[in-house]
């Protein structure tokens, strides 16, 4: 399990914008992941993703690590932003784009 936690930490720390989702941005495997991807794509910045369906260890351990029970999970600048409802609400009020652009423009390691 510690290997999985180390992998999670490395993924989260090395990607300014990271989405743990079911499926891929081109083929989301659930409606919540699809809506979250749409909100992210609306921000106009690249983002990394991990398909939890093809990574059962991540799917099993991330909810405990993040203290967040469901997927998708959006991580920005090493911090958990939240799931579909939070992300779509932030996109609707303009907060998401500001957060994403700031994270993408920040130098690595900050």
C-alpha atoms as a PDB file:
ATOM      1  CA  UNK A   1       0.000   0.000   0.000  1.00  0.00           C
ATOM      2  CA  UNK A   2       2.844   2.430   0.729  1.00  0.00           C
ATOM      3  CA  UNK A   3       3.896   2.081  -2.927  1.00  0.00           C
ATOM      4  CA  UNK A   4       0.438   3.205  -3.992  1.00  0.00           C
ATOM      5  CA  UNK A   5       0.525   6.173  -1.593  1.00  0.00           C
ATOM      6  CA  UNK A   6       3.984   7.135  -2.915  1.00  0.00           C
ATOM      7  CA  UNK A   7       2.632   6.957  -6.465  1.00  0.00           C
ATOM      8  CA  UNK A   8      -0.365   9.119  -5.547  1.00  0.00           C
ATOM      9  CA  UNK A   9       1.872  11.737  -3.912  1.00  0.00           C
ATOM     10  CA  UNK A  10       4.182  11.771  -6.944  1.00  0.00           C
ATOM     11  CA  UNK A  11       1.258  12.146  -9.378  1.00  0.00           C
ATOM     12  CA  UNK A  12      -0.334  14.935  -7.355  1.00  0.00           C
ATOM     13  CA  UNK A  13       2.935  16.829  -6.808  1.00  0.00           C
ATOM     14  CA  UNK A  14       4.179  16.565 -10.405  1.00  0.00           C
ATOM     15  CA  UNK A  15       0.970  17.689 -12.152  1.00  0.00           C
ATOM     16  CA  UNK A  16      -0.345  21.214 -11.532  1.00  0.00           C
ATOM     17  CA  UNK A  17      -3.825  20.078 -12.611  1.00  0.00           C
ATOM     18  CA  UNK A  18      -4.719  16.414 -12.131  1.00  0.00           C
ATOM     19  CA  UNK A  19      -8.077  14.710 -12.472  1.00  0.00           C
ATOM     20  CA  UNK A  20      -8.715  11.250 -11.078  1.00  0.00           C
ATOM     21  CA  UNK A  21     -11.683  10.084 -13.113  1.00  0.00           C
ATOM     22  CA  UNK A  22     -13.542   7.101 -14.513  1.00  0.00           C
ATOM     23  CA  UNK A  23     -12.387   6.702 -18.112  1.00  0.00           C
ATOM     24  CA  UNK A  24     -10.490   9.310 -20.107  1.00  0.00           C
ATOM     25  CA  UNK A  25     -11.303  12.895 -21.113  1.00  0.00           C
ATOM     26  CA  UNK A  26     -12.182  11.632 -24.613  1.00  0.00           C
ATOM     27  CA  UNK A  27     -14.239   8.713 -23.272  1.00  0.00           C
ATOM     28  CA  UNK A  28     -15.512   9.393 -19.751  1.00  0.00           C
ATOM     29  CA  UNK A  29     -17.110   6.327 -18.193  1.00  0.00           C
ATOM     30  CA  UNK A  30     -19.574   8.188 -15.960  1.00  0.00           C
ATOM     31  CA  UNK A  31     -21.636  11.359 -16.139  1.00  0.00           C
ATOM     32  CA  UNK A  32     -19.863  12.996 -13.192  1.00  0.00           C
ATOM     33  CA  UNK A  33     -16.471  12.515 -14.850  1.00  0.00           C
ATOM     34  CA  UNK A  34     -17.890  13.816 -18.151  1.00  0.00           C
ATOM     35  CA  UNK A  35     -19.223  17.016 -16.541  1.00  0.00           C
ATOM     36  CA  UNK A  36     -15.978  17.591 -14.664  1.00  0.00           C
ATOM     37  CA  UNK A  37     -13.948  17.182 -17.872  1.00  0.00           C
ATOM     38  CA  UNK A  38     -16.236  19.656 -19.666  1.00  0.00           C
ATOM     39  CA  UNK A  39     -15.683  22.230 -16.919  1.00  0.00           C
ATOM     40  CA  UNK A  40     -11.910  21.686 -17.037  1.00  0.00           C
ATOM     41  CA  UNK A  41     -11.761  21.890 -20.824  1.00  0.00           C
ATOM     42  CA  UNK A  42     -13.701  25.142 -20.591  1.00  0.00           C
ATOM     43  CA  UNK A  43     -10.715  26.637 -18.767  1.00  0.00           C
ATOM     44  CA  UNK A  44      -8.517  26.199 -21.845  1.00  0.00           C
ATOM     45  CA  UNK A  45      -5.510  24.651 -20.082  1.00  0.00           C
ATOM     46  CA  UNK A  46      -3.983  21.203 -20.346  1.00  0.00           C
ATOM     47  CA  UNK A  47      -4.531  18.819 -17.466  1.00  0.00           C
ATOM     48  CA  UNK A  48      -3.346  15.361 -16.517  1.00  0.00           C
ATOM     49  CA  UNK A  49      -5.698  12.539 -15.668  1.00  0.00           C
ATOM     50  CA  UNK A  50      -5.640   9.065 -14.168  1.00  0.00           C
ATOM     51  CA  UNK A  51      -8.299   6.519 -15.118  1.00  0.00           C
ATOM     52  CA  UNK A  52      -9.252   4.891 -11.819  1.00  0.00           C
ATOM     53  CA  UNK A  53     -11.042   2.073 -13.642  1.00  0.00           C
ATOM     54  CA  UNK A  54      -7.772   0.844 -15.167  1.00  0.00           C
ATOM     55  CA  UNK A  55      -5.835   1.563 -11.934  1.00  0.00           C
ATOM     56  CA  UNK A  56      -7.629  -0.473  -9.223  1.00  0.00           C
ATOM     57  CA  UNK A  57      -4.967   0.313  -6.582  1.00  0.00           C
ATOM     58  CA  UNK A  58      -5.509   4.034  -7.093  1.00  0.00           C
ATOM     59  CA  UNK A  59      -9.283   3.538  -7.055  1.00  0.00           C
ATOM     60  CA  UNK A  60      -9.029   1.641  -3.775  1.00  0.00           C
ATOM     61  CA  UNK A  61      -6.568   3.868  -1.881  1.00  0.00           C
ATOM     62  CA  UNK A  62      -7.127   7.423  -3.155  1.00  0.00           C
ATOM     63  CA  UNK A  63     -10.431   7.960  -1.283  1.00  0.00           C
ATOM     64  CA  UNK A  64      -8.650   7.194   2.011  1.00  0.00           C
ATOM     65  CA  UNK A  65      -5.579   9.280   1.115  1.00  0.00           C
ATOM     66  CA  UNK A  66      -7.727  12.224   0.005  1.00  0.00           C
ATOM     67  CA  UNK A  67     -10.399  11.775   2.662  1.00  0.00           C
ATOM     68  CA  UNK A  68     -12.868  12.119  -0.226  1.00  0.00           C
ATOM     69  CA  UNK A  69     -15.017   9.039  -0.972  1.00  0.00           C
ATOM     70  CA  UNK A  70     -16.011   9.523  -4.606  1.00  0.00           C
ATOM     71  CA  UNK A  71     -14.661  10.080  -8.112  1.00  0.00           C
ATOM     72  CA  UNK A  72     -13.893  12.219  -9.966  1.00  0.00           C
ATOM     73  CA  UNK A  73     -11.392  14.087  -7.823  1.00  0.00           C
ATOM     74  CA  UNK A  74      -9.737  17.268  -9.078  1.00  0.00           C
ATOM     75  CA  UNK A  75      -6.347  18.195  -7.628  1.00  0.00           C
ATOM     76  CA  UNK A  76      -4.861  21.615  -8.382  1.00  0.00           C
ATOM     77  CA  UNK A  77      -1.462  22.734  -7.126  1.00  0.00           C
ATOM     78  CA  UNK A  78      -1.215  19.679  -4.892  1.00  0.00           C
ATOM     79  CA  UNK A  79      -4.528  20.400  -3.151  1.00  0.00           C
ATOM     80  CA  UNK A  80      -7.815  18.537  -3.483  1.00  0.00           C
ATOM     81  CA  UNK A  81     -10.398  20.886  -4.978  1.00  0.00           C
ATOM     82  CA  UNK A  82     -13.262  18.405  -4.886  1.00  0.00           C
ATOM     83  CA  UNK A  83     -15.613  16.418  -7.072  1.00  0.00           C
ATOM     84  CA  UNK A  84     -18.082  17.087  -9.847  1.00  0.00           C
ATOM     85  CA  UNK A  85     -20.492  19.360  -7.950  1.00  0.00           C
ATOM     86  CA  UNK A  86     -17.754  21.615  -6.596  1.00  0.00           C
ATOM     87  CA  UNK A  87     -15.882  21.767  -9.907  1.00  0.00           C
ATOM     88  CA  UNK A  88     -18.973  22.564 -11.990  1.00  0.00           C
ATOM     89  CA  UNK A  89     -20.093  25.220  -9.488  1.00  0.00           C
ATOM     90  CA  UNK A  90     -16.621  26.799  -9.519  1.00  0.00           C
ATOM     91  CA  UNK A  91     -16.641  26.741 -13.332  1.00  0.00           C
ATOM     92  CA  UNK A  92     -20.038  28.438 -13.433  1.00  0.00           C
ATOM     93  CA  UNK A  93     -18.910  31.309 -11.201  1.00  0.00           C
ATOM     94  CA  UNK A  94     -15.477  31.742 -12.849  1.00  0.00           C
ATOM     95  CA  UNK A  95     -13.374  30.544  -9.906  1.00  0.00           C
ATOM     96  CA  UNK A  96     -12.195  27.355 -11.594  1.00  0.00           C
ATOM     97  CA  UNK A  97     -10.539  29.090 -14.540  1.00  0.00           C
ATOM     98  CA  UNK A  98      -8.666  31.487 -12.229  1.00  0.00           C
ATOM     99  CA  UNK A  99      -7.484  28.589 -10.062  1.00  0.00           C
ATOM    100  CA  UNK A 100      -6.399  26.467 -13.046  1.00  0.00           C
ATOM    101  CA  UNK A 101      -4.570  29.293 -14.832  1.00  0.00           C
ATOM    102  CA  UNK A 102      -2.739  30.281 -11.636  1.00  0.00           C
ATOM    103  CA  UNK A 103      -1.645  26.674 -11.036  1.00  0.00           C
ATOM    104  CA  UNK A 104      -0.481  26.161 -14.612  1.00  0.00           C
ATOM    105  CA  UNK A 105       1.534  29.401 -14.597  1.00  0.00           C
ATOM    106  CA  UNK A 106       3.147  28.817 -11.187  1.00  0.00           C
ATOM    107  CA  UNK A 107       6.754  27.619 -11.271  1.00  0.00           C
ATOM    108  CA  UNK A 108       7.145  23.930 -10.431  1.00  0.00           C
ATOM    109  CA  UNK A 109       7.514  23.216  -6.735  1.00  0.00           C
ATOM    110  CA  UNK A 110       5.611  26.238  -5.466  1.00  0.00           C
END
